[in-house]
Amino acid sequence: MVTDTLDRPLRDLRISVTDRCNFRCTYCMPKEQFGSDHDFLPRSSLLDFDEIVRLVRVFADQGVRKIRLTGGEPLVRAELERLVEGIAAVDGIEDIALTTNGSLLSSKRARTLADAGLDRITVSLDAFDDAVFMAINDVGFPVGKVLDGIANADAAGLNVKINTVVQRGVNEDQILPLAGCFRGSGHVLRFIEFMDVGTTNGWRLDDVVSAREIRDRIDAVWPLESLEPNYPGEVARRWRYRDGTGEIGVIASVTQPFCRSCTRARLSAEGALYTCLFAGVGTDLRGLLRSDVDDARLAEEVRSIWTRRDDRYSELRSSETVIRPKVEMSYIGG
């Protein structure tokens, strides 16, 4: 087991398969910075599926058990099912998940992903009201089509969660409608405090709706009780409806940082390894992959990066002003 300077093991790997997305969400890829003239990564710069699977094998040998595919929007990457199938065949990998905006999650696509070995899917949905949702995604995409995608994933037998980023003055009035929509559905709805990922989303602390406020709003209508974590290091605080109609989660990385239990590494679409969501610089693994080194050399590099890791940005943010360049969420994944 590989551990970092704070004795945190390497257990989870998030892999961005593309920096492209068909949405322009205001807190992630605002049009002002990601317009029609934006230079996305050329296809030749992206890791191909064989390269990704090879790296997954190396990470699995270092203790990684969970893989999450992200983007950008991962479903814009053609034949993603082939990658899922390759990862599912790697010894040691116990769980494969996907984060998506749900817009491309047709019945056929959900079924082929499930058949390839995908276990879980997380769909981002930031409002139940069409006008609010379309203002956030900024491409006029309606809520109903995302709900269709969620239904398709459910019908395919995938475990489904829904993620909602809450911003004051934008969509805090959607907390109760969303909770009402998914109560009794069997899907876990998770609310996420608005985070200062990257440098383009205009983040301010005043725009953060705290986990406590989110919980209190729901509890006032549908009483909640606390649940124990599903596993050590789970990022969401779990709450169950007292009437037995399901549960919600709240991710409080701003007001209640959980850096000390973070076991995640992140791989960008062009093969840079980041050890924190708020990192500014990654380590190039693509160069090693394409220089004909063996897996032992790749494993040595991964161990060297992780054993030096001392990231705890959210804790520092809570105690002091932290101003530094940070990689964009659309590049590294959430």
Protein backbone atom coordinates (compact mmCIF):
# COMPACT_ATOMS: atom_id res chain seq x y z
CA MET A 1 0.00 0.00 0.00
CA VAL A 2 1.38 3.38 -1.05
CA THR A 3 0.82 6.24 1.42
CA ASP A 4 1.60 9.96 1.29
CA THR A 5 3.21 12.26 3.86
CA LEU A 6 -0.06 12.38 5.84
CA ASP A 7 -0.41 8.57 5.75
CA ARG A 8 -3.23 8.68 3.18
CA PRO A 9 -3.36 5.60 0.93
CA LEU A 10 -3.83 5.72 -2.83
CA ARG A 11 -7.22 4.09 -3.40
CA ASP A 12 -9.14 6.09 -6.04
CA LEU A 13 -8.20 7.26 -9.53
CA ARG A 14 -10.29 9.78 -11.45
CA ILE A 15 -9.57 9.76 -15.17
CA SER A 16 -10.56 12.64 -17.45
CA VAL A 17 -11.06 11.25 -20.94
CA THR A 18 -11.65 14.62 -22.64
CA ASP A 19 -11.51 18.33 -21.88
CA ARG A 20 -14.51 18.98 -24.16
CA CYS A 21 -18.12 19.37 -23.08
CA ASN A 22 -21.43 20.14 -24.79
CA PHE A 23 -22.56 22.32 -21.85
CA ARG A 24 -21.17 25.68 -20.78
CA CYS A 25 -22.08 25.63 -17.11
CA THR A 26 -21.35 28.97 -15.54
CA TYR A 27 -19.41 27.51 -12.60
CA CYS A 28 -17.28 25.17 -14.73
CA MET A 29 -16.90 26.18 -18.40
CA PRO A 30 -18.30 29.72 -18.72
CA LYS A 31 -18.71 30.90 -22.30
CA GLU A 32 -16.57 33.96 -21.63
CA GLN A 33 -13.52 31.69 -21.26
CA PHE A 34 -14.64 28.65 -23.28
CA GLY A 35 -16.15 30.25 -26.37
CA SER A 36 -16.22 29.01 -29.95
CA ASP A 37 -12.58 30.04 -30.42
CA HIS A 38 -11.29 28.09 -27.40
CA ASP A 39 -8.38 25.77 -28.14
CA PHE A 40 -9.23 22.34 -26.82
CA LEU A 41 -6.69 19.54 -26.75
CA PRO A 42 -6.03 17.96 -30.16
CA ARG A 43 -6.89 14.26 -30.48
CA SER A 44 -3.19 13.34 -30.68
CA SER A 45 -2.62 14.83 -27.22
CA LEU A 46 -5.24 12.66 -25.54
CA LEU A 47 -4.29 9.35 -24.00
CA ASP A 48 -5.68 6.54 -26.12
CA PHE A 49 -7.67 3.74 -24.49
CA ASP A 50 -4.76 1.29 -24.46
CA GLU A 51 -2.59 3.87 -22.69
CA ILE A 52 -5.30 4.53 -20.10
CA VAL A 53 -5.82 0.82 -19.41
CA ARG A 54 -2.08 0.34 -19.02
CA LEU A 55 -1.94 3.13 -16.45
CA VAL A 56 -4.94 1.65 -14.63
CA ARG A 57 -3.00 -1.63 -14.30
CA VAL A 58 -0.04 0.26 -12.83
CA PHE A 59 -2.27 2.15 -10.39
CA ALA A 60 -4.09 -1.04 -9.41
CA ASP A 61 -0.75 -2.54 -8.46
CA GLN A 62 -0.21 0.47 -6.16
CA GLY A 63 -3.53 -0.06 -4.36
CA VAL A 64 -6.14 1.71 -6.49
CA ARG A 65 -9.48 -0.09 -6.33
CA LYS A 66 -11.93 2.49 -7.67
CA ILE A 67 -11.93 4.20 -11.06
CA ARG A 68 -14.12 7.14 -12.03
CA LEU A 69 -14.27 8.40 -15.63
CA THR A 70 -14.82 12.13 -15.98
CA GLY A 71 -14.27 15.00 -18.42
CA GLY A 72 -15.25 17.52 -19.64
CA GLU A 73 -18.23 15.42 -20.61
CA PRO A 74 -16.93 11.84 -20.95
CA LEU A 75 -19.76 10.69 -23.22
CA VAL A 76 -18.54 12.95 -26.03
CA ARG A 77 -15.55 10.57 -26.30
CA ALA A 78 -16.41 7.99 -28.95
CA GLU A 79 -16.56 4.30 -28.03
CA LEU A 80 -16.13 4.95 -24.31
CA GLU A 81 -17.63 1.51 -23.72
CA ARG A 82 -14.40 0.00 -25.06
CA LEU A 83 -12.43 1.77 -22.36
CA VAL A 84 -14.82 0.61 -19.65
CA GLU A 85 -14.47 -2.96 -20.87
CA GLY A 86 -10.68 -2.72 -20.76
CA ILE A 87 -10.65 -1.28 -17.25
CA ALA A 88 -13.12 -3.90 -16.02
CA ALA A 89 -10.64 -6.61 -17.03
CA VAL A 90 -7.85 -5.21 -14.82
CA ASP A 91 -7.11 -7.30 -11.74
CA GLY A 92 -7.77 -5.42 -8.52
CA ILE A 93 -10.29 -2.91 -9.86
CA GLU A 94 -13.47 -3.37 -7.86
CA ASP A 95 -15.61 -0.42 -8.94
CA ILE A 96 -15.97 1.66 -12.12
CA ALA A 97 -18.05 4.84 -12.09
CA LEU A 98 -18.82 7.63 -14.55
CA THR A 99 -19.71 11.29 -14.02
CA THR A 100 -21.84 12.83 -16.77
CA ASN A 101 -24.26 15.67 -17.45
CA GLY A 102 -26.71 13.05 -18.72
CA SER A 103 -27.43 14.75 -22.03
CA LEU A 104 -26.07 11.87 -24.14
CA LEU A 105 -27.27 9.06 -21.91
CA SER A 106 -29.62 7.29 -24.31
CA SER A 107 -31.14 3.93 -23.49
CA LYS A 108 -28.70 2.20 -25.84
CA ARG A 109 -25.67 4.03 -24.45
CA ALA A 110 -26.62 3.26 -20.84
CA ARG A 111 -27.08 -0.43 -21.69
CA THR A 112 -23.78 -0.74 -23.56
CA LEU A 113 -21.93 0.95 -20.68
CA ALA A 114 -23.51 -1.41 -18.16
CA ASP A 115 -22.74 -4.44 -20.34
CA ALA A 116 -19.12 -3.28 -20.64
CA GLY A 117 -18.71 -3.31 -16.86
CA LEU A 118 -19.71 0.12 -15.59
CA ASP A 119 -21.04 -0.17 -12.04
CA ARG A 120 -22.22 3.32 -11.14
CA ILE A 121 -23.13 6.59 -12.76
CA THR A 122 -23.36 10.09 -11.31
CA VAL A 123 -25.48 12.62 -13.19
CA SER A 124 -25.00 16.34 -12.64
CA LEU A 125 -28.32 18.17 -12.28
CA ASP A 126 -28.26 21.66 -10.76
CA ALA A 127 -31.94 22.59 -10.92
CA PHE A 128 -35.40 21.10 -11.33
CA ASP A 129 -36.83 24.24 -12.90
CA ASP A 130 -36.18 24.44 -16.64
CA ALA A 131 -35.41 28.14 -16.73
CA VAL A 132 -32.89 27.91 -13.90
CA PHE A 133 -31.27 24.78 -15.30
CA MET A 134 -30.94 26.22 -18.80
CA ALA A 135 -29.43 29.41 -17.41
CA ILE A 136 -26.80 27.34 -15.59
CA ASN A 137 -25.89 25.01 -18.48
CA ASP A 138 -26.06 28.05 -20.80
CA VAL A 139 -26.88 26.02 -23.91
CA GLY A 140 -30.64 25.79 -23.44
CA PHE A 141 -30.68 22.10 -22.55
CA PRO A 142 -33.92 21.11 -20.74
CA VAL A 143 -34.26 19.24 -17.46
CA GLY A 144 -36.58 16.65 -18.93
CA LYS A 145 -33.91 15.18 -21.17
CA VAL A 146 -31.53 14.77 -18.23
CA LEU A 147 -34.29 13.04 -16.28
CA ASP A 148 -34.72 10.74 -19.28
CA GLY A 149 -31.02 9.93 -19.11
CA ILE A 150 -31.31 9.11 -15.41
CA ALA A 151 -34.24 6.79 -16.16
CA ASN A 152 -32.22 5.10 -18.92
CA ALA A 153 -29.30 4.47 -16.55
CA ASP A 154 -31.65 3.06 -13.94
CA ALA A 155 -33.30 0.76 -16.48
CA ALA A 156 -29.86 -0.50 -17.51
CA GLY A 157 -29.22 -1.61 -13.92
CA LEU A 158 -26.66 1.06 -13.07
CA ASN A 159 -26.45 2.47 -9.56
CA VAL A 160 -27.41 6.14 -10.02
CA LYS A 161 -26.54 9.21 -7.97
CA ILE A 162 -27.37 12.83 -8.72
CA ASN A 163 -24.99 15.70 -7.94
CA THR A 164 -26.13 19.30 -7.46
CA VAL A 165 -23.73 22.22 -7.04
CA VAL A 166 -25.49 24.89 -4.97
CA GLN A 167 -24.70 28.59 -5.48
CA ARG A 168 -26.31 31.41 -3.54
CA GLY A 169 -28.37 33.66 -5.74
CA VAL A 170 -28.39 31.07 -8.52
CA ASN A 171 -30.11 27.85 -7.51
CA GLU A 172 -30.49 27.59 -3.74
CA ASP A 173 -34.26 27.75 -4.33
CA GLN A 174 -33.93 24.42 -6.16
CA ILE A 175 -32.84 22.44 -3.08
CA LEU A 176 -36.37 21.47 -2.04
CA PRO A 177 -37.72 20.81 -5.56
CA LEU A 178 -34.81 18.49 -6.30
CA ALA A 179 -35.14 16.74 -2.96
CA GLY A 180 -38.84 16.28 -3.63
CA CYS A 181 -38.14 14.91 -7.10
CA PHE A 182 -35.79 12.17 -5.93
CA ARG A 183 -37.35 11.22 -2.58
CA GLY A 184 -38.53 7.65 -2.91
CA SER A 185 -36.74 7.13 -6.23
CA GLY A 186 -33.99 4.92 -4.84
CA HIS A 187 -31.39 7.41 -6.12
CA VAL A 188 -29.14 9.34 -3.75
CA LEU A 189 -29.16 13.10 -4.33
CA ARG A 190 -25.94 14.81 -3.23
CA PHE A 191 -25.61 18.56 -2.74
CA ILE A 192 -22.14 20.07 -3.20
CA GLU A 193 -20.94 23.36 -1.78
CA PHE A 194 -19.81 25.73 -4.55
CA MET A 195 -16.02 25.32 -4.71
CA ASP A 196 -13.18 27.48 -5.97
CA VAL A 197 -11.96 24.96 -8.54
CA GLY A 198 -9.93 26.67 -11.26
CA THR A 199 -9.84 30.41 -11.79
CA THR A 200 -12.65 31.16 -14.26
CA ASN A 201 -15.88 30.67 -12.31
CA GLY A 202 -15.82 33.89 -10.28
CA TRP A 203 -15.94 32.04 -6.96
CA ARG A 204 -16.61 34.03 -3.79
CA LEU A 205 -17.10 32.68 -0.28
CA ASP A 206 -20.33 34.71 -0.06
CA ASP A 207 -21.77 32.54 -2.86
CA VAL A 208 -21.36 29.33 -0.88
CA VAL A 209 -24.53 27.82 0.58
CA SER A 210 -23.19 25.80 3.49
CA ALA A 211 -23.86 22.13 4.08
CA ARG A 212 -25.60 23.05 7.32
CA GLU A 213 -27.99 25.41 5.55
CA ILE A 214 -28.74 22.83 2.86
CA ARG A 215 -29.43 20.16 5.48
CA ASP A 216 -31.57 22.51 7.57
CA ARG A 217 -33.73 23.55 4.59
CA ILE A 218 -34.58 19.92 3.82
CA ASP A 219 -34.91 18.87 7.45
CA ALA A 220 -37.51 21.59 8.04
CA VAL A 221 -39.79 19.99 5.46
CA TRP A 222 -38.77 16.34 5.53
CA PRO A 223 -37.02 15.48 8.83
CA LEU A 224 -33.61 13.87 8.51
CA GLU A 225 -31.36 11.70 10.65
CA SER A 226 -27.64 11.13 10.31
CA LEU A 227 -26.17 7.98 8.76
CA GLU A 228 -22.72 6.45 9.16
CA PRO A 229 -20.35 6.62 6.17
CA ASN A 230 -20.46 3.74 3.71
CA TYR A 231 -16.66 3.48 3.84
CA PRO A 232 -13.65 5.31 5.35
CA GLY A 233 -12.93 8.56 3.53
CA GLU A 234 -16.40 8.98 2.01
CA VAL A 235 -16.66 12.64 1.05
CA ALA A 236 -20.42 13.07 1.45
CA ARG A 237 -22.07 13.34 4.85
CA ARG A 238 -25.09 11.03 4.67
CA TRP A 239 -28.60 11.83 5.90
CA ARG A 240 -31.70 9.61 5.82
CA TYR A 241 -35.31 10.74 5.61
CA ARG A 242 -37.00 9.71 8.85
CA ASP A 243 -40.05 8.51 6.90
CA GLY A 244 -37.92 5.92 5.09
CA THR A 245 -38.09 7.47 1.62
CA GLY A 246 -34.36 7.42 0.97
CA GLU A 247 -31.26 9.48 1.70
CA ILE A 248 -29.32 12.53 0.62
CA GLY A 249 -25.66 13.45 0.84
CA VAL A 250 -23.97 16.80 1.39
CA ILE A 251 -20.37 17.45 0.33
CA ALA A 252 -18.92 20.26 2.44
CA SER A 253 -15.40 20.71 1.12
CA VAL A 254 -15.49 24.46 1.83
CA THR A 255 -17.00 24.66 5.32
CA GLN A 256 -15.96 21.22 6.61
CA PRO A 257 -12.80 20.15 4.72
CA PHE A 258 -12.00 16.44 4.53
CA CYS A 259 -8.46 16.63 3.15
CA ARG A 260 -7.07 14.31 5.84
CA SER A 261 -9.06 11.37 4.47
CA CYS A 262 -8.58 12.05 0.74
CA THR A 263 -7.36 8.99 -1.19
CA ARG A 264 -7.84 10.35 -4.73
CA ALA A 265 -5.45 10.93 -7.59
CA ARG A 266 -6.53 12.55 -10.85
CA LEU A 267 -5.33 11.89 -14.38
CA SER A 268 -5.97 14.54 -17.04
CA ALA A 269 -7.01 13.67 -20.59
CA GLU A 270 -3.47 14.26 -21.83
CA GLY A 271 -1.89 12.13 -19.12
CA ALA A 272 -0.88 14.58 -16.38
CA LEU A 273 -1.22 13.24 -12.84
CA TYR A 274 -2.62 15.59 -10.18
CA THR A 275 -2.77 14.80 -6.48
CA CYS A 276 -5.40 17.41 -5.57
CA LEU A 277 -8.51 18.85 -7.19
CA PHE A 278 -7.10 22.32 -6.46
CA ALA A 279 -3.59 21.65 -7.79
CA GLY A 280 -1.91 24.02 -10.20
CA VAL A 281 0.65 21.67 -11.71
CA GLY A 282 0.54 18.00 -12.64
CA THR A 283 3.23 15.45 -13.51
CA ASP A 284 3.44 14.25 -17.11
CA LEU A 285 2.92 10.49 -17.41
CA ARG A 286 2.15 10.53 -21.14
CA GLY A 287 5.78 11.26 -21.94
CA LEU A 288 6.86 8.17 -20.02
CA LEU A 289 4.14 6.07 -21.63
CA ARG A 290 5.28 7.06 -25.10
CA SER A 291 9.00 6.62 -24.42
CA ASP A 292 8.83 2.82 -24.23
CA VAL A 293 9.54 2.53 -20.51
CA ASP A 294 8.30 -0.62 -18.78
CA ASP A 295 5.53 -0.80 -16.17
CA ALA A 296 8.07 -0.97 -13.34
CA ARG A 297 9.34 2.49 -14.30
CA LEU A 298 5.80 3.85 -14.48
CA ALA A 299 5.02 2.37 -11.06
CA GLU A 300 8.18 3.95 -9.64
CA GLU A 301 7.04 7.37 -10.88
CA VAL A 302 3.54 6.94 -9.43
CA ARG A 303 4.95 5.88 -6.05
CA SER A 304 7.37 8.79 -6.05
CA ILE A 305 4.60 11.31 -6.75
CA TRP A 306 2.20 9.91 -4.15
CA THR A 307 4.73 9.43 -1.34
CA ARG A 308 5.69 13.13 -1.65
CA ARG A 309 2.07 14.29 -1.59
CA ASP A 310 1.18 16.78 1.15
CA ASP A 311 -1.91 18.48 -0.40
CA ARG A 312 -4.55 19.86 1.95
CA TYR A 313 -5.84 22.90 0.08
CA SER A 314 -9.33 22.96 1.57
CA GLU A 315 -7.98 22.94 5.10
CA LEU A 316 -5.63 25.81 4.27
CA ARG A 317 -8.42 27.71 2.52
CA SER A 318 -10.46 27.52 5.70
CA SER A 319 -7.70 28.98 7.83
CA GLU A 320 -6.00 31.49 5.55
CA THR A 321 -6.25 33.18 2.18
CA VAL A 322 -4.93 30.88 -0.54
CA ILE A 323 -4.19 32.54 -3.85
CA ARG A 324 -2.44 30.45 -6.47
CA PRO A 325 -3.00 29.16 -10.01
CA LYS A 326 -5.36 26.17 -10.13
CA VAL A 327 -6.22 23.77 -12.92
CA GLU A 328 -9.74 24.12 -14.35
CA MET A 329 -12.42 21.57 -13.39
CA SER A 330 -13.22 20.92 -17.04
CA TYR A 331 -9.61 19.79 -17.57
CA ILE A 332 -9.12 17.63 -14.51
CA GLY A 333 -12.67 16.42 -13.78
CA GLY A 334 -14.65 17.01 -10.59
